Amino acid sequence: MNGLSKYYIKKIITCFALEITATETSKKLRINRNTINKYYRMIREAIADYQEVQSRAVSLHNNDKKYFFGWHTNEGLIYTTQEDAQMFSLNIHAGKVYIKMETVNELKDNTEITSIKNAGTESIFSSESVEQAQPGSASFSKEAQPSDRDKHINEPAFNFFLYAKQKLIKFYGVKEEYTYLYLKELEFRFNNSGRDLSKLVLKILPHHSPEWNRTTRNRK
């Protein structure tokens, strides 16, 4: 990693927290795009590790709501199991979401996990509803009808899926190995909605990124 000062590193973290793209951050801070990419990747990897630790710490229970969904390179987020898609389970615990990578066979063998589409009626998953989704929001889309609200069985699952679907549209075609990192980032943002994410990321990095410790130990 290059010799950026802590001042500029904090600026990069702030841009990441504000969901400013790597390209926009590069232009804004006048720092090489490849350098920004490296820091963004390092932040995402640290966040993924942090979220996995959080998931283990809460001791997910058998009575927690569990859903599955998939990510298809060409179709984006999907509701059914497909062999050519990456599959994930979504656990709901105390209003927060936790994602885990799964295989199609694992999902077929586990009858306790149902499709994310069962978290709401079909109309809830319309494109209009997707546009309204907000991170961590406990409220329903303005497009959802009262009958949908009555039938809806799990708000966190509903809100997270629509939020993720909206955010991941721009990543159609992204390399499969990065899909999990993006999803864990969205999980992190969703679970920590309302908090100062730049401060939280700064606290996370020293404990969840060996690369961060190697490259920033002597920065001024």
Foldseek 3Di string as FASTA:
>chain_A
DDFDFVVVLLVLLLCVLVVNDLVRSCVVVVHDSVVSVVSNVLLLQLLLQVLVVVVVVVPDDPPWQKEKWWQALAPGIGFDDDQRTWMWMWTADPLAIHIDTDHSVVVVVDPRYYTLCQQWPPVCPDPQQLVQADAQDQDGRPSDDPVGVVSGDHRSSSRLVSPCRNVCPVVRNPDPVCPSSSSSVSSVCNVPPPDSSSVVSVVRSVVRGPVCCVNHVPHD
